[in-house]
N, C-alpha and C. Protein backbone atom coordinates (compact mmCIF):
# COMPACT_ATOMS: atom_id res chain seq x y z
N UNK A 1 1.09 -0.84 0.07
CA UNK A 1 0.15 0.57 -0.30
C UNK A 1 0.80 0.91 -0.03
N UNK A 2 0.68 2.56 -0.16
CA UNK A 2 1.13 3.59 -0.75
C UNK A 2 -0.24 4.53 -0.28
N UNK A 3 0.72 6.09 -0.03
CA UNK A 3 -0.90 6.83 0.32
C UNK A 3 0.01 8.42 0.31
N UNK A 4 -0.53 9.29 -0.53
CA UNK A 4 -0.51 10.49 -1.11
C UNK A 4 -0.69 12.20 0.14
N UNK A 5 -0.27 12.02 -0.51
CA UNK A 5 0.27 14.42 1.04
C UNK A 5 0.24 14.98 -0.12
N UNK A 6 -0.05 16.01 0.41
CA UNK A 6 -0.36 17.96 -0.45
C UNK A 6 0.66 18.31 0.56
N UNK A 7 2.24 19.17 0.32
CA UNK A 7 1.77 20.32 1.11
C UNK A 7 1.52 21.84 0.69
N UNK A 8 2.37 22.43 1.45
CA UNK A 8 2.36 24.07 0.75
C UNK A 8 3.59 24.38 1.81
N UNK A 9 4.30 26.03 0.46
CA UNK A 9 4.72 26.84 1.68
C UNK A 9 4.58 28.09 0.87
N UNK A 10 5.28 29.04 1.82
CA UNK A 10 5.39 30.16 1.16
C UNK A 10 6.93 30.60 0.42
N UNK A 11 7.51 31.21 -0.19
CA UNK A 11 9.02 30.97 -0.65
C UNK A 11 9.56 32.18 -1.08
N UNK A 12 10.32 33.18 -0.72
CA UNK A 12 10.42 34.75 -1.11
C UNK A 12 11.02 34.57 -2.62
N UNK A 13 10.67 34.01 -3.63
CA UNK A 13 11.16 34.84 -4.60
C UNK A 13 10.21 34.49 -6.17
N UNK A 14 10.79 34.14 -7.36
CA UNK A 14 10.48 33.80 -7.72
C UNK A 14 10.30 32.80 -8.06
N UNK A 15 8.60 32.51 -9.17
CA UNK A 15 8.32 31.16 -9.71
C UNK A 15 9.88 30.64 -10.34
N UNK A 16 9.92 31.49 -11.46
CA UNK A 16 11.50 31.14 -12.43
C UNK A 16 12.44 30.87 -11.41
N UNK A 17 12.46 31.33 -10.16
CA UNK A 17 14.00 31.49 -10.03
C UNK A 17 13.91 30.07 -9.12
N UNK A 18 12.91 30.20 -8.26
CA UNK A 18 12.29 28.69 -7.84
C UNK A 18 12.77 27.43 -8.84
N UNK A 19 12.81 28.24 -10.11
CA UNK A 19 12.34 26.05 -10.75
C UNK A 19 14.08 25.87 -11.44
N UNK A 20 14.64 27.46 -11.88
CA UNK A 20 15.53 27.30 -12.95
C UNK A 20 16.63 26.55 -11.41
N UNK A 21 16.17 27.31 -9.65
CA UNK A 21 17.64 26.70 -8.84
C UNK A 21 17.10 24.67 -8.71
N UNK A 22 15.91 24.43 -8.47
CA UNK A 22 15.86 23.23 -8.83
C UNK A 22 16.09 22.47 -9.85
N UNK A 23 16.01 22.24 -10.28
CA UNK A 23 16.30 21.65 -11.52
C UNK A 23 18.08 22.27 -12.09
N UNK A 24 18.87 23.05 -10.85
CA UNK A 24 20.17 23.22 -11.66
C UNK A 24 21.03 22.70 -10.43
N UNK A 25 22.38 21.60 -10.82
CA UNK A 25 23.01 20.78 -9.80
C UNK A 25 23.56 21.73 -8.93
N UNK A 26 23.97 22.68 -9.06
CA UNK A 26 25.22 23.97 -8.02
C UNK A 26 23.53 25.13 -7.25
N UNK A 27 22.43 25.22 -8.65
CA UNK A 27 21.57 25.43 -7.36
C UNK A 27 20.96 24.67 -6.37
N UNK A 28 20.46 23.67 -7.15
CA UNK A 28 20.07 22.65 -5.73
C UNK A 28 20.59 22.11 -4.73
N UNK A 29 21.77 22.51 -4.80
CA UNK A 29 22.95 22.14 -4.07
C UNK A 29 23.05 23.34 -2.62
N UNK A 30 23.33 24.14 -3.34
CA UNK A 30 23.28 26.26 -1.62
C UNK A 30 21.67 25.50 -1.94
N UNK A 31 20.31 25.44 -2.44
CA UNK A 31 19.44 25.45 -2.23
C UNK A 31 18.79 25.43 -1.32
N UNK A 32 19.35 23.46 -0.89
CA UNK A 32 18.91 22.70 -0.11
C UNK A 32 19.81 22.32 1.33
N UNK A 33 21.40 22.14 1.18
CA UNK A 33 22.03 22.27 1.77
C UNK A 33 22.64 20.82 1.59
N UNK A 34 22.14 20.41 0.58
CA UNK A 34 22.45 18.76 0.32
C UNK A 34 22.74 18.67 -1.26
N UNK A 35 24.29 17.55 -1.13
CA UNK A 35 24.20 17.33 -2.87
C UNK A 35 24.03 17.28 -3.81
N UNK A 36 23.77 17.84 -5.14
CA UNK A 36 22.91 17.65 -5.81
C UNK A 36 23.31 17.29 -7.21
N UNK A 37 22.89 16.20 -8.35
CA UNK A 37 22.66 16.70 -9.54
C UNK A 37 22.17 16.06 -10.39
N UNK A 38 21.71 17.14 -10.55
CA UNK A 38 20.46 18.00 -11.59
C UNK A 38 20.51 17.56 -12.62
N UNK A 39 18.81 17.01 -13.67
CA UNK A 39 19.25 17.62 -14.48
C UNK A 39 17.38 18.20 -15.31
N UNK A 40 17.64 19.25 -16.39
CA UNK A 40 16.90 20.35 -16.85
C UNK A 40 16.46 19.52 -17.65
N UNK A 41 16.10 18.57 -18.15
CA UNK A 41 15.29 18.02 -19.17
C UNK A 41 14.03 17.19 -19.10
N UNK A 42 13.32 16.71 -19.84
CA UNK A 42 12.10 15.94 -19.53
C UNK A 42 12.68 14.11 -20.29
N UNK A 43 12.55 13.96 -18.95
CA UNK A 43 13.52 12.65 -19.17
C UNK A 43 15.05 12.51 -17.88
N UNK A 44 15.12 13.24 -17.39
CA UNK A 44 17.03 13.72 -17.17
C UNK A 44 16.42 12.53 -16.28
N UNK A 45 17.04 11.95 -15.45
CA UNK A 45 17.38 11.34 -14.11
C UNK A 45 18.21 12.48 -13.04
N UNK A 46 18.56 12.52 -12.04
CA UNK A 46 18.97 13.40 -10.69
C UNK A 46 18.57 12.24 -9.32
N UNK A 47 19.98 13.30 -8.70
CA UNK A 47 19.92 12.55 -6.73
C UNK A 47 19.82 14.41 -6.53
N UNK A 48 19.71 13.84 -5.07
CA UNK A 48 19.79 14.49 -4.18
C UNK A 48 20.19 14.62 -3.20
N UNK A 49 20.84 15.52 -1.86
CA UNK A 49 20.09 15.18 -0.81
C UNK A 49 22.09 13.93 -0.91
N UNK A 50 22.60 14.59 -1.60
CA UNK A 50 24.03 13.03 -1.25
C UNK A 50 23.78 11.70 -1.87
N UNK A 51 23.11 11.60 -2.51
CA UNK A 51 22.56 10.83 -3.24
C UNK A 51 21.51 10.23 -2.32
N UNK A 52 20.94 10.53 -1.47
CA UNK A 52 19.43 9.96 -0.51
C UNK A 52 18.58 9.50 -1.29
N UNK A 53 18.74 10.95 -2.66
CA UNK A 53 17.35 11.36 -3.26
C UNK A 53 17.93 10.52 -4.89
N UNK A 54 16.31 9.38 -5.45
CA UNK A 54 16.84 9.50 -7.03
C UNK A 54 16.14 9.42 -7.70
N UNK A 55 15.79 10.35 -8.71
CA UNK A 55 14.67 9.81 -10.18
C UNK A 55 15.01 10.18 -10.72
N UNK A 56 13.65 10.92 -11.76
CA UNK A 56 13.45 11.20 -13.10
C UNK A 56 12.91 12.06 -13.57
N UNK A 57 12.82 13.83 -14.25
CA UNK A 57 12.15 14.73 -14.46
C UNK A 57 10.82 13.66 -15.53
N UNK A 58 10.08 13.89 -14.81
CA UNK A 58 8.52 13.31 -15.85
C UNK A 58 7.61 13.93 -16.31
N UNK A 59 7.92 16.07 -16.47
CA UNK A 59 6.96 16.66 -16.65
C UNK A 59 7.81 18.06 -16.34
N UNK A 60 8.34 18.64 -17.34
CA UNK A 60 8.80 20.43 -16.99
C UNK A 60 7.69 21.14 -17.84
N UNK A 61 7.12 22.08 -17.00
CA UNK A 61 6.26 22.68 -17.55
C UNK A 61 7.31 24.11 -16.96
N UNK A 62 7.33 25.18 -17.95
CA UNK A 62 8.50 26.56 -17.37
C UNK A 62 8.00 26.67 -16.35
N UNK A 63 8.92 27.03 -14.97
CA UNK A 63 8.61 27.56 -14.11
C UNK A 63 6.94 27.97 -13.62
N UNK A 64 6.48 26.68 -14.05
CA UNK A 64 5.25 26.58 -13.19
C UNK A 64 5.08 24.79 -12.99
N UNK A 65 5.66 24.33 -12.91
CA UNK A 65 4.92 22.94 -12.41
C UNK A 65 6.79 21.88 -12.95
N UNK A 66 6.56 21.81 -12.15
CA UNK A 66 7.72 20.17 -11.93
C UNK A 66 7.56 18.80 -11.32
N UNK A 67 7.80 17.67 -12.74
CA UNK A 67 6.61 16.72 -11.90
C UNK A 67 7.60 15.25 -12.30
N UNK A 68 8.47 14.95 -11.18
CA UNK A 68 9.70 14.05 -10.78
C UNK A 68 8.49 12.32 -10.32
N UNK A 69 9.81 11.11 -10.94
CA UNK A 69 9.36 10.03 -10.03
C UNK A 69 10.73 10.03 -9.33
N UNK A 70 10.63 9.91 -7.97
CA UNK A 70 11.51 10.00 -6.97
C UNK A 70 11.22 8.84 -5.38
N UNK A 71 12.56 8.69 -5.49
CA UNK A 71 12.27 7.45 -4.58
C UNK A 71 14.15 7.30 -3.56
N UNK A 72 13.90 7.59 -2.17
CA UNK A 72 15.11 7.02 -0.98
C UNK A 72 15.51 5.46 -1.18
N UNK A 73 16.72 6.75 -0.30
CA UNK A 73 17.27 4.75 -0.12
C UNK A 73 17.00 3.66 0.75
N UNK A 74 15.61 4.90 1.51
CA UNK A 74 14.50 4.14 1.80
C UNK A 74 14.03 2.24 1.19
N UNK A 75 13.67 3.49 0.46
CA UNK A 75 12.27 2.44 -0.60
C UNK A 75 13.55 1.35 -0.18
N UNK A 76 12.67 0.56 -0.81
CA UNK A 76 13.09 -1.28 -1.12
C UNK A 76 12.65 -1.39 -2.69
N UNK A 77 13.45 -3.08 -2.45
CA UNK A 77 13.24 -3.21 -4.41
C UNK A 77 12.29 -3.18 -4.84
N UNK A 78 10.97 -3.56 -3.77
CA UNK A 78 9.80 -3.77 -4.08
C UNK A 78 9.12 -2.43 -3.79
N UNK A 79 9.29 -1.35 -3.34
CA UNK A 79 8.11 0.34 -3.45
C UNK A 79 8.66 0.38 -5.22
N UNK A 80 7.55 0.54 -5.25
CA UNK A 80 7.09 1.21 -6.52
C UNK A 80 7.88 3.12 -7.08
N UNK A 81 8.36 3.85 -7.61
CA UNK A 81 8.86 4.89 -7.39
C UNK A 81 7.86 5.84 -7.36
N UNK A 82 7.92 6.74 -5.93
CA UNK A 82 6.52 7.33 -5.67
C UNK A 82 7.05 9.16 -6.63
N UNK A 83 5.86 9.32 -6.74
CA UNK A 83 6.09 10.77 -7.49
C UNK A 83 5.84 12.96 -6.29
N UNK A 84 6.61 13.21 -7.44
CA UNK A 84 6.59 14.32 -7.17
C UNK A 84 5.41 15.32 -7.62
N UNK A 85 4.68 16.35 -7.98
CA UNK A 85 4.56 16.98 -8.40
C UNK A 85 4.95 18.77 -7.61
N UNK A 86 5.71 19.64 -8.52
CA UNK A 86 6.19 21.11 -6.94
C UNK A 86 5.49 22.28 -8.80
N UNK A 87 3.63 22.91 -8.16
CA UNK A 87 4.36 23.21 -8.94
C UNK A 87 3.50 25.21 -9.17
N UNK A 88 4.51 25.69 -9.46
CA UNK A 88 4.71 27.27 -8.62
C UNK A 88 3.88 28.48 -9.54
N UNK A 89 3.23 29.21 -8.04
CA UNK A 89 2.18 30.67 -8.40
C UNK A 89 2.86 31.79 -8.14
N UNK A 90 2.73 32.49 -8.60
CA UNK A 90 3.05 33.79 -8.08
C UNK A 90 2.50 34.09 -6.68
N UNK A 91 2.58 35.31 -5.93
CA UNK A 91 1.61 35.31 -4.07
C UNK A 91 2.49 36.50 -3.74
N UNK A 92 1.36 37.14 -3.72
CA UNK A 92 2.49 38.56 -2.35
C UNK A 92 3.87 38.14 -1.53
N UNK A 93 5.09 38.74 -1.89
CA UNK A 93 5.66 38.12 -0.70
C UNK A 93 6.47 36.76 -1.51
N UNK A 94 6.50 36.43 -2.54
CA UNK A 94 7.15 35.47 -3.19
C UNK A 94 5.55 34.11 -4.03
N UNK A 95 6.69 32.90 -4.16
CA UNK A 95 6.29 31.85 -4.64
C UNK A 95 4.34 30.76 -3.73
N UNK A 96 3.71 30.58 -4.16
CA UNK A 96 3.35 30.12 -2.64
C UNK A 96 3.06 28.62 -4.32
N UNK A 97 4.47 27.71 -2.87
CA UNK A 97 4.91 25.85 -3.67
C UNK A 97 4.12 25.21 -3.47
N UNK A 98 3.93 24.40 -3.97
CA UNK A 98 2.85 23.35 -3.35
C UNK A 98 3.22 22.09 -4.61
N UNK A 99 3.50 21.42 -3.40
CA UNK A 99 4.09 19.39 -3.87
C UNK A 99 3.43 18.72 -2.92
N UNK A 100 2.51 17.37 -3.81
CA UNK A 100 1.96 16.42 -4.25
C UNK A 100 3.24 15.31 -3.85
N UNK A 101 2.84 14.98 -3.10
CA UNK A 101 3.28 13.76 -2.90
C UNK A 101 2.82 12.31 -3.21
N UNK A 102 3.19 11.52 -4.30
CA UNK A 102 2.60 10.31 -4.00
C UNK A 102 2.80 9.32 -4.33
N UNK A 103 2.23 8.25 -4.45
CA UNK A 103 2.64 6.98 -3.79
C UNK A 103 3.94 6.48 -3.13
N UNK A 104 3.64 6.82 -1.58
CA UNK A 104 4.57 6.75 -0.74
C UNK A 104 4.71 5.78 -0.08
N UNK A 105 5.38 5.35 -0.03
CA UNK A 105 5.69 3.46 0.81
C UNK A 105 4.66 3.96 2.59
N UNK A 106 4.53 3.23 2.55
CA UNK A 106 2.79 2.65 3.90
C UNK A 106 3.97 2.65 4.37
N UNK A 107 4.07 3.26 5.92
CA UNK A 107 4.44 3.99 7.33
C UNK A 107 6.51 4.70 6.92
N UNK A 108 6.08 5.09 5.87
CA UNK A 108 7.07 6.09 5.47
C UNK A 108 7.11 7.50 5.46
N UNK A 109 5.40 8.15 6.68
CA UNK A 109 6.27 9.00 7.11
C UNK A 109 6.16 10.74 7.27
N UNK A 110 7.67 10.27 8.09
CA UNK A 110 8.86 11.62 7.66
C UNK A 110 8.76 12.06 6.25
N UNK A 111 8.53 12.29 5.50
CA UNK A 111 8.69 13.55 4.50
C UNK A 111 7.51 14.23 4.95
N UNK A 112 6.29 13.83 5.18
CA UNK A 112 4.95 14.36 4.98
C UNK A 112 5.74 15.56 6.79
N UNK A 113 5.89 14.46 7.33
CA UNK A 113 5.65 14.64 9.05
C UNK A 113 7.33 15.78 9.25
N UNK A 114 7.66 16.29 8.78
CA UNK A 114 8.82 17.57 8.23
C UNK A 114 9.60 17.56 7.70
N UNK A 115 10.41 16.42 7.85
CA UNK A 115 10.95 15.71 6.00
C UNK A 115 11.32 16.83 5.03
N UNK A 116 10.43 17.37 4.65
CA UNK A 116 9.89 18.42 3.54
C UNK A 116 10.25 19.45 3.84
N UNK A 117 9.43 20.55 4.79
CA UNK A 117 9.49 21.22 5.69
C UNK A 117 10.70 20.89 6.07
N UNK A 118 11.75 20.24 6.50
CA UNK A 118 12.98 20.68 6.67
C UNK A 118 14.66 20.59 6.15
N UNK A 119 13.84 19.57 4.93
CA UNK A 119 15.78 20.17 4.19
C UNK A 119 15.36 19.80 2.43
N UNK A 120 13.49 20.98 2.95
CA UNK A 120 13.92 21.87 1.57
C UNK A 120 13.00 23.10 1.70
N UNK A 121 11.89 24.03 2.14
CA UNK A 121 11.25 24.16 2.67
C UNK A 121 11.36 25.07 3.41
N UNK A 122 12.51 25.09 4.76
CA UNK A 122 13.02 26.22 5.13
C UNK A 122 13.87 26.52 4.32
N UNK A 123 15.37 25.45 4.38
CA UNK A 123 15.93 25.80 3.83
C UNK A 123 16.01 26.74 2.56
N UNK A 124 14.91 26.31 1.91
CA UNK A 124 14.96 27.96 -0.09
C UNK A 124 14.63 28.23 0.93
N UNK A 125 13.61 29.21 2.46
CA UNK A 125 13.56 29.97 2.99
C UNK A 125 14.83 30.83 3.25
N UNK A 126 15.57 30.13 3.46
CA UNK A 126 16.65 30.68 3.81
C UNK A 126 17.32 31.17 2.24
N UNK A 127 17.64 30.46 1.72
CA UNK A 127 18.33 31.40 0.66
C UNK A 127 18.25 31.84 0.13
N UNK A 128 17.04 31.89 -0.36
CA UNK A 128 16.38 32.70 -1.60
C UNK A 128 15.97 34.30 -0.23
N UNK A 129 16.53 34.44 0.87
CA UNK A 129 16.15 35.84 1.53
C UNK A 129 15.22 35.80 3.10
N UNK A 130 14.59 34.51 3.35
CA UNK A 130 13.77 35.25 4.83
C UNK A 130 15.07 35.43 5.76
N UNK A 131 16.36 34.31 5.63
CA UNK A 131 17.15 34.24 7.26
C UNK A 131 18.01 34.97 6.69
């Protein structure tokens, strides 16, 4: 079994700045604090957080939407890839980032219960100017 969840965060940057940093190796590394090897091409593979996360770009709509297959080293061979959909919308004070994480293996709730906030949203807020 698996489950899905959605989180949102206000990031103090334009959708273009977030999109570009997410898909750039040095930008993603600086933005999150974890080493990343990213691709800005549909079908391109990536790793993030020092190899803890790996996946492939499934759909890229410039400055608007990023869809990636996504798995961590905690997934077993029996777990299919999960999927993240990152939607970027301009808002007062920056961009509303909406993240939907689907097909997450049962029992792996840490992503929803602080993982995304601690390892992505909070570092991104600091990187783009809050801290």
